């Protein structure tokens, strides 16, 4: 009896399993097999829109698309019956467009002509309209060729604004590995705005769903959604950008003109510049080597990627730290031209000394000794904390790829980075913007704007950008007023380090010069070596950062000249000229220039 029940239970179990399997195949897997069925007779064709244009704040085009044609050829033509036809196509392209060789075309076709590929093979990505149109009837009459419209990125202003704009290149396999949708686009942003806003500039793909039979013949259209292009308007004024390009000449460095109230960047240059157009269809070996072998390093975007010692432009930050940490606003220091510490002698830039110095005079005449002695009272950690309020050592959030943080050092940073203790001499040099302290030009521009307004804004190139932040600086307004007075006297007071060089500015500005050493000056030198006595690439970087008008701050102008020596002599004339140009362009009210 037990055996009978075992057989019955076994039969029931088998029946239940069979029923479950039937249910799974017929009901549970229904949706899955429906999708497979759809794939058997529905084919999706994706169409990329033209890449979005980039304009300046006034609607002038900075990046556009040149119209042309793409040559595509049907797949599976390497059979004995059609191989001669295929070779004739290669020969025809080579004949009319010698830049495309038979060998290269053959190699490209073989690479794309897979057994499962049913798409036309792109042999030539882009030939300009004027170059191709006269041969259009010849190519169009070939049954194996299909001519399709194509676009190629073009930058009308060439090298002007090259770094913030960026450039495009061909979509590569790594690009597709990161995002499979990239296979539907001709190009992708590689740097600058082109890269940062690539997803928007590429636009929305168009999708056509067509019905095909078993031999891939089209029998109908199920749906058709057209592609959608997206343009971008920037905050830049190309007239000002072009003027700065002319003013800066063949120097190396960076220039940033920024709205201190909202962070809009009216002009942003990294120098030397290069023509972005050379990258669009693949940069030649010759051009690439020319860029890479230039000692002035034209390729990096120095505005956001370049890390430099700030030199004396940091002294307002150091002064604020002294004030925040108990040093009286009435404090004075007697500068004799040097300060001994241990076995070293820390020299002021003025060998004979500045005499009695208070906060305003220390900023106006850039007295190193004042900050040397003050820094020893409060220590590097206090200086770090005040500079952190300006977010040195952090990203500004600018809409450019690969922004550098720089370094805002303290004791913990050195211990973590180098496993070494901090020394007093390092505090001294940090106080005047040397040593481990490193900043980017965009950080200095933002810091200058914050000194002028008391708030940190987000620098940006996108007009009407939504995700912006604005933070008040947690520093006493009275202390900021002292820093501003010092900056005013730098450019307007007797003895100011930039007074003479910016005197022709029609806008009353406030600012600070900086001389950031590239190499140390040996202790054996009895007096400080002059910049013109050094080899060019050993000369200090020159800073001049300003804002104006002084009483009603609207814009900041920050200039870094690599190996320029003193900030006033290297950048003063350019700074004044930029403010005058902005006045001419209507950025300042004629009645409120002070």
Protein backbone atom coordinates (compact mmCIF):
# COMPACT_ATOMS: atom_id res chain seq x y z
CA UNK A 1 0.00 0.00 0.00
CA UNK A 2 2.78 2.38 0.88
CA UNK A 3 4.44 1.75 -2.47
CA UNK A 4 1.18 2.61 -4.28
CA UNK A 5 0.94 5.95 -2.47
CA UNK A 6 4.57 6.70 -3.22
CA UNK A 7 3.88 6.18 -6.93
CA UNK A 8 0.76 8.34 -6.72
CA UNK A 9 2.61 11.16 -4.93
CA UNK A 10 5.44 10.95 -7.44
CA UNK A 11 2.99 11.16 -10.36
CA UNK A 12 1.25 14.15 -8.78
CA UNK A 13 4.59 15.93 -8.22
CA UNK A 14 5.62 15.36 -11.84
CA UNK A 15 2.25 16.67 -13.01
CA UNK A 16 2.55 19.79 -10.87
CA UNK A 17 6.06 20.51 -12.21
CA UNK A 18 4.82 20.09 -15.76
CA UNK A 19 1.92 22.47 -15.12
CA UNK A 20 4.24 25.06 -13.58
CA UNK A 21 6.55 24.85 -16.60
CA UNK A 22 3.63 25.17 -19.02
CA UNK A 23 2.36 28.21 -17.11
CA UNK A 24 5.85 29.80 -17.15
CA UNK A 25 6.27 29.31 -20.89
CA UNK A 26 2.77 30.33 -21.89
CA UNK A 27 2.00 33.11 -19.41
CA UNK A 28 5.07 34.13 -17.41
CA UNK A 29 7.40 34.30 -20.44
CA UNK A 30 4.76 35.81 -22.69
CA UNK A 31 6.12 39.34 -22.43
CA UNK A 32 9.68 38.11 -23.01
CA UNK A 33 8.77 36.26 -26.20
CA UNK A 34 6.65 39.15 -27.39
CA UNK A 35 9.75 41.35 -27.19
CA UNK A 36 11.74 38.75 -29.13
CA UNK A 37 8.98 38.67 -31.70
CA UNK A 38 9.00 42.46 -31.97
CA UNK A 39 12.72 42.37 -32.59
CA UNK A 40 12.14 39.95 -35.44
CA UNK A 41 10.00 42.39 -37.39
CA UNK A 42 10.60 45.84 -35.86
CA UNK A 43 13.77 47.75 -36.66
CA UNK A 44 14.75 50.99 -34.95
CA UNK A 45 16.70 53.65 -36.80
CA UNK A 46 18.29 56.42 -34.74
CA UNK A 47 18.99 59.87 -36.14
CA UNK A 48 21.28 62.31 -34.38
CA UNK A 49 20.40 66.00 -34.58
CA UNK A 50 22.99 68.57 -35.61
CA UNK A 51 25.23 69.40 -32.65
CA UNK A 52 23.94 72.45 -30.81
CA UNK A 53 25.50 75.82 -31.60
CA UNK A 54 27.35 77.83 -28.94
CA UNK A 55 26.88 81.60 -28.85
CA UNK A 56 28.19 84.46 -26.77
CA UNK A 57 25.94 86.57 -24.51
CA UNK A 58 24.93 88.74 -27.50
CA UNK A 59 24.09 85.86 -29.84
CA UNK A 60 27.36 85.81 -31.79
CA UNK A 61 28.24 82.28 -32.90
CA UNK A 62 31.30 80.75 -31.23
CA UNK A 63 30.79 77.15 -32.43
CA UNK A 64 28.70 76.07 -35.40
CA UNK A 65 28.36 73.15 -37.80
CA UNK A 66 29.59 73.24 -41.39
CA UNK A 67 27.33 71.38 -43.78
CA UNK A 68 28.69 68.56 -45.92
CA UNK A 69 28.14 64.97 -47.00
CA UNK A 70 28.92 61.50 -45.71
CA UNK A 71 29.64 58.57 -48.04
CA UNK A 72 28.11 55.26 -46.97
CA UNK A 73 28.29 51.92 -48.77
CA UNK A 74 26.10 48.82 -48.51
CA UNK A 75 27.50 45.90 -46.49
CA UNK A 76 28.41 42.39 -47.73
CA UNK A 77 29.99 43.46 -51.04
CA UNK A 78 33.13 41.34 -50.62
CA UNK A 79 31.64 38.33 -52.37
CA UNK A 80 33.11 37.30 -55.77
CA UNK A 81 30.08 38.77 -57.54
CA UNK A 82 30.47 42.29 -56.09
CA UNK A 83 34.10 42.66 -55.00
CA UNK A 84 35.02 44.50 -58.23
CA UNK A 85 32.18 46.94 -57.68
CA UNK A 86 33.45 47.57 -54.17
CA UNK A 87 37.00 48.18 -55.35
CA UNK A 88 35.72 50.60 -57.99
CA UNK A 89 34.02 52.58 -55.22
CA UNK A 90 37.33 52.80 -53.33
CA UNK A 91 39.08 53.96 -56.52
CA UNK A 92 36.41 56.56 -57.25
CA UNK A 93 36.67 58.08 -53.76
CA UNK A 94 40.48 58.13 -54.00
CA UNK A 95 40.31 59.77 -57.43
CA UNK A 96 38.15 62.70 -56.42
CA UNK A 97 39.31 62.98 -52.81
CA UNK A 98 42.99 61.94 -52.68
CA UNK A 99 43.17 62.39 -48.92
CA UNK A 100 41.36 59.03 -48.66
CA UNK A 101 43.54 56.18 -49.91
CA UNK A 102 42.31 52.91 -51.42
CA UNK A 103 44.14 50.94 -48.74
CA UNK A 104 42.61 52.88 -45.83
CA UNK A 105 39.11 52.67 -47.30
CA UNK A 106 39.46 48.92 -47.81
CA UNK A 107 40.69 48.43 -44.26
CA UNK A 108 37.81 50.46 -42.82
CA UNK A 109 35.20 48.55 -44.85
CA UNK A 110 36.56 45.15 -43.82
CA UNK A 111 36.53 46.20 -40.17
CA UNK A 112 32.83 47.16 -40.27
CA UNK A 113 31.56 44.46 -42.63
CA UNK A 114 30.53 41.84 -40.07
CA UNK A 115 28.25 38.93 -40.87
CA UNK A 116 25.52 40.30 -38.60
CA UNK A 117 25.83 43.90 -39.77
CA UNK A 118 22.91 45.04 -41.90
CA UNK A 119 23.66 48.77 -41.67
CA UNK A 120 25.35 50.80 -44.37
CA UNK A 121 29.07 51.28 -43.69
CA UNK A 122 30.38 54.84 -43.33
CA UNK A 123 33.50 55.15 -45.47
CA UNK A 124 33.91 58.94 -45.33
CA UNK A 125 32.57 60.88 -42.34
CA UNK A 126 32.51 64.37 -43.79
CA UNK A 127 33.36 66.19 -47.00
CA UNK A 128 32.49 69.91 -47.12
CA UNK A 129 29.49 70.85 -49.22
CA UNK A 130 31.41 72.92 -51.77
CA UNK A 131 34.04 70.22 -52.25
CA UNK A 132 31.55 67.42 -52.80
CA UNK A 133 28.56 68.95 -54.54
CA UNK A 134 30.10 68.99 -58.04
CA UNK A 135 30.69 65.23 -57.80
CA UNK A 136 27.32 64.46 -56.24
CA UNK A 137 25.71 63.06 -59.48
CA UNK A 138 28.64 60.67 -59.99
CA UNK A 139 28.42 59.14 -56.52
CA UNK A 140 24.64 59.25 -56.30
CA UNK A 141 24.26 57.21 -59.49
CA UNK A 142 26.03 54.21 -57.91
CA UNK A 143 23.46 51.74 -56.51
CA UNK A 144 25.78 50.61 -53.74
CA UNK A 145 26.47 54.13 -52.44
CA UNK A 146 24.21 56.30 -50.34
CA UNK A 147 25.05 59.95 -49.79
CA UNK A 148 23.85 61.37 -46.50
CA UNK A 149 24.06 64.89 -45.07
CA UNK A 150 26.84 65.43 -42.54
CA UNK A 151 28.11 68.21 -40.31
CA UNK A 152 31.56 69.16 -39.04
CA UNK A 153 32.24 71.41 -36.04
CA UNK A 154 33.67 74.82 -36.83
CA UNK A 155 34.94 77.59 -34.54
CA UNK A 156 34.62 80.94 -36.39
CA UNK A 157 37.03 82.75 -34.07
CA UNK A 158 39.75 80.11 -34.31
CA UNK A 159 42.04 80.24 -31.29
CA UNK A 160 40.15 83.01 -29.46
CA UNK A 161 38.53 81.52 -26.37
CA UNK A 162 39.81 78.09 -27.34
CA UNK A 163 40.16 76.72 -23.83
CA UNK A 164 36.81 77.60 -22.33
CA UNK A 165 35.00 76.57 -25.53
CA UNK A 166 36.89 73.32 -25.93
CA UNK A 167 36.71 71.18 -29.05
CA UNK A 168 35.03 68.05 -30.38
CA UNK A 169 36.50 64.85 -31.77
CA UNK A 170 35.28 61.64 -33.28
CA UNK A 171 33.40 59.28 -31.02
CA UNK A 172 35.77 56.48 -29.95
CA UNK A 173 35.23 52.94 -28.69
CA UNK A 174 35.96 54.02 -25.06
CA UNK A 175 33.26 56.69 -25.44
CA UNK A 176 30.77 54.04 -26.58
CA UNK A 177 31.83 51.72 -23.76
CA UNK A 178 30.87 54.46 -21.28
CA UNK A 179 27.60 55.29 -23.05
CA UNK A 180 26.20 53.03 -25.76
CA UNK A 181 24.13 55.90 -27.19
CA UNK A 182 27.36 57.57 -28.35
CA UNK A 183 27.48 55.16 -31.30
CA UNK A 184 24.68 57.19 -32.88
CA UNK A 185 26.61 60.47 -32.84
CA UNK A 186 29.36 61.69 -35.15
CA UNK A 187 31.30 63.66 -32.54
CA UNK A 188 31.73 64.14 -28.81
CA UNK A 189 33.04 66.99 -26.68
CA UNK A 190 36.64 66.50 -25.61
CA UNK A 191 37.30 69.63 -23.53
CA UNK A 192 35.82 72.90 -22.30
CA UNK A 193 32.12 73.68 -22.70
CA UNK A 194 31.95 71.13 -25.50
CA UNK A 195 32.76 68.39 -22.98
CA UNK A 196 31.07 69.76 -19.85
CA UNK A 197 27.73 70.23 -21.65
CA UNK A 198 28.20 67.46 -24.20
CA UNK A 199 24.97 65.65 -23.30
CA UNK A 200 22.94 68.80 -23.93
CA UNK A 201 24.83 69.86 -27.08
CA UNK A 202 24.42 66.43 -28.68
CA UNK A 203 20.68 66.88 -28.44
CA UNK A 204 17.91 64.28 -28.33
CA UNK A 205 18.11 61.33 -30.71
CA UNK A 206 15.33 60.84 -33.24
CA UNK A 207 13.89 57.32 -33.37
CA UNK A 208 12.05 55.74 -36.30
CA UNK A 209 10.54 52.31 -35.72
CA UNK A 210 10.01 50.50 -39.02
CA UNK A 211 8.48 47.13 -39.83
CA UNK A 212 10.66 44.74 -41.82
CA UNK A 213 10.20 41.24 -43.15
CA UNK A 214 12.52 38.26 -42.80
CA UNK A 215 14.92 39.64 -45.44
CA UNK A 216 14.98 43.10 -43.84
CA UNK A 217 12.77 44.69 -46.46
CA UNK A 218 10.80 47.64 -45.10
CA UNK A 219 7.06 47.01 -45.08
CA UNK A 220 5.87 49.94 -42.91
CA UNK A 221 6.61 52.58 -40.27
CA UNK A 222 5.34 52.02 -36.73
CA UNK A 223 6.48 55.34 -35.21
CA UNK A 224 8.73 58.27 -36.00
CA UNK A 225 10.08 60.74 -33.41
CA UNK A 226 12.26 63.48 -34.95
CA UNK A 227 15.63 64.46 -33.41
CA UNK A 228 15.87 67.62 -31.34
CA UNK A 229 18.89 69.97 -31.30
CA UNK A 230 19.91 72.02 -28.23
CA UNK A 231 21.93 75.24 -28.41
CA UNK A 232 23.91 76.95 -25.62
CA UNK A 233 24.30 80.64 -24.86
CA UNK A 234 27.36 81.60 -22.84
CA UNK A 235 28.08 84.56 -20.57
CA UNK A 236 31.11 85.56 -22.66
CA UNK A 237 31.30 88.74 -24.72
CA UNK A 238 33.37 87.77 -27.75
CA UNK A 239 34.23 91.42 -28.38
CA UNK A 240 35.94 91.61 -25.00
CA UNK A 241 37.46 88.16 -25.43
CA UNK A 242 38.95 89.19 -28.77
CA UNK A 243 40.32 92.41 -27.30
CA UNK A 244 42.05 90.53 -24.47
CA UNK A 245 43.51 88.08 -27.00
CA UNK A 246 45.08 91.03 -28.82
CA UNK A 247 46.28 92.68 -25.60
CA UNK A 248 47.88 89.56 -24.13
CA UNK A 249 49.89 88.89 -27.27
CA UNK A 250 52.44 86.09 -27.10
CA UNK A 251 52.66 85.97 -23.30
CA UNK A 252 51.75 82.86 -21.32
CA UNK A 253 49.20 82.88 -18.52
CA UNK A 254 45.52 83.48 -17.90
CA UNK A 255 42.93 86.28 -17.82
CA UNK A 256 39.48 86.14 -16.20
CA UNK A 257 36.84 88.88 -16.25
CA UNK A 258 33.96 88.03 -13.91
CA UNK A 259 30.76 89.61 -12.65
CA UNK A 260 31.35 89.85 -8.89
CA UNK A 261 27.62 89.78 -8.14
CA UNK A 262 26.60 86.58 -9.93
CA UNK A 263 29.76 84.81 -11.16
CA UNK A 264 29.15 85.28 -14.89
CA UNK A 265 32.43 85.14 -16.80
CA UNK A 266 32.57 87.81 -19.48
CA UNK A 267 35.95 86.68 -20.79
CA UNK A 268 38.25 83.82 -19.93
CA UNK A 269 41.54 83.24 -21.65
CA UNK A 270 44.34 80.71 -21.22
CA UNK A 271 47.51 81.55 -23.11
CA UNK A 272 49.06 80.60 -25.47
CA UNK A 273 45.91 79.62 -27.34
CA UNK A 274 45.54 77.21 -30.23
CA UNK A 275 43.02 76.77 -33.03
CA UNK A 276 40.38 74.26 -31.96
CA UNK A 277 39.55 73.54 -35.59
CA UNK A 278 42.67 71.39 -35.97
CA UNK A 279 41.16 68.77 -33.62
CA UNK A 280 37.73 68.36 -35.24
CA UNK A 281 38.70 65.75 -37.84
CA UNK A 282 41.71 64.39 -35.98
CA UNK A 283 44.79 66.44 -35.18
CA UNK A 284 47.84 65.83 -37.36
CA UNK A 285 51.05 64.49 -35.83
CA UNK A 286 52.81 67.72 -36.82
CA UNK A 287 50.29 69.97 -35.06
CA UNK A 288 50.19 67.77 -31.98
CA UNK A 289 53.98 67.79 -31.62
CA UNK A 290 54.03 71.57 -32.04
CA UNK A 291 51.59 71.97 -29.14
CA UNK A 292 53.27 69.40 -26.90
CA UNK A 293 56.79 70.77 -27.47
CA UNK A 294 55.88 74.37 -26.62
CA UNK A 295 57.53 75.27 -23.29
CA UNK A 296 54.65 77.66 -22.56
CA UNK A 297 52.24 74.68 -22.39
CA UNK A 298 49.32 75.85 -24.56
CA UNK A 299 47.24 72.68 -24.13
CA UNK A 300 46.05 72.87 -20.46
CA UNK A 301 43.30 75.28 -19.51
CA UNK A 302 45.34 77.40 -17.08
CA UNK A 303 42.26 79.23 -15.80
CA UNK A 304 41.01 76.11 -14.01
CA UNK A 305 43.80 73.51 -14.32
CA UNK A 306 46.89 75.64 -13.72
CA UNK A 307 48.18 75.55 -10.12
CA UNK A 308 50.43 78.41 -9.07
CA UNK A 309 51.75 79.98 -5.87
CA UNK A 310 49.55 83.06 -5.37
CA UNK A 311 52.34 85.27 -4.09
CA UNK A 312 51.24 88.55 -2.56
CA UNK A 313 47.64 88.43 -3.82
CA UNK A 314 47.00 86.18 -0.82
CA UNK A 315 48.02 88.90 1.64
CA UNK A 316 44.45 90.18 2.11
CA UNK A 317 43.52 86.66 3.22
CA UNK A 318 46.48 86.55 5.61
CA UNK A 319 45.58 90.01 6.96
CA UNK A 320 42.01 88.87 7.61
CA UNK A 321 43.33 85.80 9.42
CA UNK A 322 45.49 87.99 11.67
CA UNK A 323 42.49 90.18 12.47
CA UNK A 324 40.26 87.17 13.10
CA UNK A 325 42.78 85.65 15.48
CA UNK A 326 43.30 88.48 17.92
CA UNK A 327 45.79 90.80 16.20
CA UNK A 328 44.56 94.36 16.77
CA UNK A 329 43.59 96.44 13.71
CA UNK A 330 45.87 99.14 15.15
CA UNK A 331 48.94 96.86 15.16
CA UNK A 332 52.12 98.18 13.54
CA UNK A 333 55.37 96.42 12.67
CA UNK A 334 58.72 98.01 11.95
CA UNK A 335 60.14 96.53 8.73
CA UNK A 336 63.92 96.65 8.37
CA UNK A 337 64.01 94.62 5.15
CA UNK A 338 64.55 91.19 6.69
CA UNK A 339 63.60 88.95 9.58
CA UNK A 340 65.98 86.32 11.05
CA UNK A 341 64.45 82.98 12.04
CA UNK A 342 66.64 80.06 13.06
CA UNK A 343 69.53 79.87 10.63
CA UNK A 344 67.65 81.65 7.86
CA UNK A 345 67.04 85.25 6.97
CA UNK A 346 63.59 85.95 5.50
CA UNK A 347 63.89 88.99 3.31
CA UNK A 348 61.27 91.56 2.43
CA UNK A 349 61.10 92.44 -1.26
CA UNK A 350 62.24 95.98 -0.33
CA UNK A 351 65.79 95.48 0.91
CA UNK A 352 65.94 98.80 2.80
CA UNK A 353 62.65 98.03 4.55
CA UNK A 354 59.29 99.80 4.76
CA UNK A 355 59.69 101.34 8.20
CA UNK A 356 56.56 101.51 10.38
CA UNK A 357 53.80 99.44 8.77
CA UNK A 358 50.13 98.95 9.62
CA UNK A 359 47.57 96.71 7.93
CA UNK A 360 46.63 99.10 5.13
CA UNK A 361 50.24 100.03 4.34
CA UNK A 362 51.23 96.34 4.43
CA UNK A 363 48.73 95.62 1.68
CA UNK A 364 49.37 98.86 -0.23
CA UNK A 365 53.14 98.40 -0.39
CA UNK A 366 53.07 94.60 -0.09
CA UNK A 367 55.39 94.47 2.93
CA UNK A 368 56.49 90.86 3.44
CA UNK A 369 57.92 91.49 6.90
CA UNK A 370 54.53 92.53 8.32
CA UNK A 371 53.03 89.17 7.35
CA UNK A 372 56.12 87.17 8.36
CA UNK A 373 55.89 88.43 11.94
CA UNK A 374 52.11 88.25 12.12
CA UNK A 375 52.00 84.67 10.87
CA UNK A 376 54.31 83.51 13.67
CA UNK A 377 51.77 84.85 16.19
CA UNK A 378 48.79 82.87 14.85
CA UNK A 379 50.30 79.85 13.05
CA UNK A 380 49.54 78.16 9.76
CA UNK A 381 46.37 76.42 10.94
CA UNK A 382 44.70 79.77 11.60
CA UNK A 383 45.73 81.05 8.16
CA UNK A 384 44.42 77.85 6.59
CA UNK A 385 41.05 78.26 8.32
CA UNK A 386 40.56 81.82 7.07
CA UNK A 387 41.58 80.92 3.51
CA UNK A 388 39.16 78.00 3.70
CA UNK A 389 36.33 80.51 4.10
CA UNK A 390 37.20 81.60 0.55
CA UNK A 391 37.27 77.90 -0.36
CA UNK A 392 40.92 77.76 -1.36
CA UNK A 393 41.82 74.09 -1.64
CA UNK A 394 38.30 73.35 -2.93
CA UNK A 395 36.61 73.31 -6.33
CA UNK A 396 34.84 76.54 -7.31
CA UNK A 397 32.19 74.58 -9.22
CA UNK A 398 32.93 76.31 -12.53
CA UNK A 399 31.36 74.59 -15.54
CA UNK A 400 34.65 73.36 -17.00
CA UNK A 401 36.01 69.79 -16.86
CA UNK A 402 38.94 68.69 -14.72
CA UNK A 403 39.06 71.69 -12.40
CA UNK A 404 41.99 71.60 -9.94
CA UNK A 405 41.55 72.13 -6.20
CA UNK A 406 44.97 73.59 -5.51
CA UNK A 407 46.45 73.26 -2.02
CA UNK A 408 45.53 75.17 1.15
CA UNK A 409 48.11 73.65 3.54
CA UNK A 410 48.12 73.18 7.30
CA UNK A 411 49.93 70.90 9.74
CA UNK A 412 47.58 67.97 9.21
CA UNK A 413 47.88 68.26 5.42
CA UNK A 414 51.68 68.05 5.54
CA UNK A 415 51.65 65.16 7.99
CA UNK A 416 49.15 63.27 5.83
CA UNK A 417 50.88 64.08 2.54
CA UNK A 418 54.56 63.87 3.47
CA UNK A 419 54.58 62.19 6.91
CA UNK A 420 56.59 65.16 8.18
CA UNK A 421 56.06 67.85 10.84
CA UNK A 422 55.36 71.47 9.99
CA UNK A 423 58.12 74.05 10.51
CA UNK A 424 57.87 77.72 11.42
CA UNK A 425 59.71 78.74 8.25
CA UNK A 426 56.92 77.13 6.24
CA UNK A 427 54.36 79.27 8.07
CA UNK A 428 56.36 82.37 7.19
CA UNK A 429 56.48 81.65 3.46
CA UNK A 430 52.83 80.54 3.38
CA UNK A 431 51.81 83.93 4.79
CA UNK A 432 53.02 85.64 1.59
CA UNK A 433 51.68 83.04 -0.83
CA UNK A 434 54.73 80.82 -1.30
CA UNK A 435 55.69 77.32 -0.20
CA UNK A 436 53.04 74.63 -0.37
CA UNK A 437 50.17 77.03 -1.06
CA UNK A 438 48.86 76.62 -4.61
CA UNK A 439 45.84 78.19 -6.29
CA UNK A 440 44.18 78.40 -9.68
CA UNK A 441 43.41 81.71 -11.45
CA UNK A 442 39.66 81.05 -11.15
CA UNK A 443 40.05 80.67 -7.37
CA UNK A 444 41.85 84.02 -7.20
CA UNK A 445 39.12 85.65 -9.34
CA UNK A 446 36.43 84.28 -7.01
CA UNK A 447 38.39 85.35 -3.91
CA UNK A 448 38.73 88.87 -5.32
CA UNK A 449 35.00 89.05 -5.98
CA UNK A 450 34.33 87.86 -2.42
CA UNK A 451 36.60 90.54 -0.97
CA UNK A 452 34.63 93.12 -2.97
CA UNK A 453 31.12 91.89 -2.06
CA UNK A 454 31.44 89.75 1.07
CA UNK A 455 29.94 86.71 -0.68
CA UNK A 456 31.16 83.68 -2.62
CA UNK A 457 29.53 83.14 -6.00
CA UNK A 458 29.79 80.24 -8.45
CA UNK A 459 31.86 81.17 -11.53
CA UNK A 460 30.15 80.01 -14.72
CA UNK A 461 30.08 80.26 -18.50
CA UNK A 462 26.46 79.15 -19.11
CA UNK A 463 24.04 82.05 -19.41
CA UNK A 464 21.00 81.70 -17.14
CA UNK A 465 22.56 78.78 -15.29
CA UNK A 466 20.14 77.42 -12.69
CA UNK A 467 22.16 75.48 -10.10
CA UNK A 468 24.14 78.43 -8.69
CA UNK A 469 25.09 79.05 -5.08
CA UNK A 470 25.81 82.25 -3.21
CA UNK A 471 27.32 82.18 0.28
CA UNK A 472 28.17 85.07 2.60
CA UNK A 473 31.75 85.10 3.87
CA UNK A 474 31.81 84.56 7.66
CA UNK A 475 34.23 87.44 8.24
CA UNK A 476 33.56 90.75 9.99
CA UNK A 477 32.55 93.58 7.67
CA UNK A 478 34.95 95.85 9.52
CA UNK A 479 37.86 93.54 8.76
CA UNK A 480 36.84 93.33 5.09
CA UNK A 481 36.77 97.14 4.99
CA UNK A 482 40.44 97.22 6.06
CA UNK A 483 41.38 94.78 3.27
CA UNK A 484 39.41 96.82 0.72
CA UNK A 485 41.07 100.06 1.82
CA UNK A 486 44.47 98.44 1.37
CA UNK A 487 43.47 97.23 -2.11
CA UNK A 488 42.21 100.70 -3.02
CA UNK A 489 45.56 102.21 -2.07
CA UNK A 490 47.45 99.56 -4.08
CA UNK A 491 46.01 101.10 -7.24
CA UNK A 492 45.36 104.69 -6.12
CA UNK A 493 47.52 105.63 -3.12
CA UNK A 494 51.03 107.01 -2.93
CA UNK A 495 53.44 104.10 -2.77
CA UNK A 496 50.83 101.64 -4.04
CA UNK A 497 52.48 98.80 -5.94
CA UNK A 498 50.17 99.27 -8.97
CA UNK A 499 49.28 102.97 -8.79
CA UNK A 500 51.33 104.08 -11.76
CA UNK A 501 50.64 101.12 -14.00
CA UNK A 502 46.84 101.41 -13.87
CA UNK A 503 46.63 105.21 -13.69
CA UNK A 504 45.05 105.42 -17.16
CA UNK A 505 42.05 103.34 -16.11
CA UNK A 506 38.86 105.37 -16.44
CA UNK A 507 37.30 103.18 -13.75
CA UNK A 508 38.42 103.59 -10.14
CA UNK A 509 39.59 100.11 -9.20
CA UNK A 510 41.00 98.31 -6.17
CA UNK A 511 43.46 95.43 -6.43
CA UNK A 512 46.57 93.60 -5.42
CA UNK A 513 49.81 92.74 -7.18
CA UNK A 514 51.67 89.50 -6.66
CA UNK A 515 55.11 88.15 -7.50
CA UNK A 516 55.15 84.37 -7.11
CA UNK A 517 58.65 82.88 -7.08
CA UNK A 518 59.33 79.92 -9.33
CA UNK A 519 62.79 79.23 -7.88
CA UNK A 520 64.23 80.02 -4.46
CA UNK A 521 66.85 82.73 -4.09
CA UNK A 522 69.94 81.39 -2.31
CA UNK A 523 70.73 82.71 1.17
CA UNK A 524 74.22 83.55 -0.10
CA UNK A 525 72.71 86.37 -2.18
CA UNK A 526 73.23 89.52 -0.14
CA UNK A 527 70.32 91.26 -1.79
CA UNK A 528 67.26 90.00 -3.57
CA UNK A 529 67.95 89.21 -7.22
CA UNK A 530 66.00 91.32 -9.71
CA UNK A 531 63.63 89.55 -12.10
CA UNK A 532 65.34 90.84 -15.23
CA UNK A 533 68.61 89.32 -13.99
CA UNK A 534 67.13 85.79 -14.08
CA UNK A 535 66.71 83.38 -16.97
CA UNK A 536 63.21 83.70 -18.44
CA UNK A 537 61.80 80.40 -17.10
CA UNK A 538 63.24 81.16 -13.63
CA UNK A 539 61.46 84.49 -13.38
CA UNK A 540 58.51 84.80 -11.02
CA UNK A 541 54.91 84.59 -12.14
CA UNK A 542 53.18 87.97 -12.10
CA UNK A 543 49.68 88.47 -10.65
CA UNK A 544 47.36 91.46 -10.68
CA UNK A 545 43.82 90.93 -9.45
CA UNK A 546 41.36 93.83 -9.24
CA UNK A 547 37.71 94.81 -8.96
CA UNK A 548 35.80 97.93 -9.91
CA UNK A 549 34.29 100.36 -9.53
CA UNK A 550 35.69 100.56 -6.01
CA UNK A 551 32.56 101.99 -4.36
CA UNK A 552 30.08 99.93 -6.37
CA UNK A 553 31.83 96.67 -7.36
CA UNK A 554 30.56 95.10 -10.55
CA UNK A 555 33.42 93.18 -12.17
CA UNK A 556 36.76 91.66 -11.27
CA UNK A 557 39.73 91.32 -13.60
CA UNK A 558 42.35 88.73 -12.66
CA UNK A 559 45.53 88.39 -14.68
CA UNK A 560 48.40 85.92 -14.33
CA UNK A 561 51.46 86.34 -16.54
CA UNK A 562 53.77 83.34 -16.35
CA UNK A 563 57.37 84.44 -15.74
CA UNK A 564 56.20 88.03 -16.00
CA UNK A 565 58.11 89.26 -12.94
CA UNK A 566 56.26 92.01 -11.06
CA UNK A 567 52.47 92.05 -11.34
CA UNK A 568 52.11 95.76 -11.99
CA UNK A 569 54.66 95.97 -14.79
CA UNK A 570 53.45 92.77 -16.48
CA UNK A 571 49.68 93.17 -16.11
CA UNK A 572 48.92 96.78 -15.10
CA UNK A 573 48.58 98.21 -18.59
CA UNK A 574 46.44 95.29 -19.77
CA UNK A 575 44.20 95.57 -16.70
CA UNK A 576 43.52 99.27 -17.22
CA UNK A 577 42.88 98.72 -20.92
CA UNK A 578 40.34 95.96 -20.14
CA UNK A 579 38.36 98.25 -17.80
CA UNK A 580 38.42 101.00 -20.43
CA UNK A 581 37.22 98.57 -23.09
CA UNK A 582 34.39 97.43 -20.81
CA UNK A 583 33.39 101.06 -20.33
CA UNK A 584 33.35 101.46 -24.10
CA UNK A 585 31.19 98.33 -24.45
CA UNK A 586 28.65 99.66 -21.96
CA UNK A 587 29.41 97.55 -18.89
CA UNK A 588 29.84 100.63 -16.71
CA UNK A 589 27.54 103.59 -16.40
CA UNK A 590 29.41 106.75 -17.38
CA UNK A 591 28.08 108.40 -14.23
CA UNK A 592 29.09 105.63 -11.81
CA UNK A 593 32.64 104.78 -12.74
CA UNK A 594 34.00 105.54 -9.28
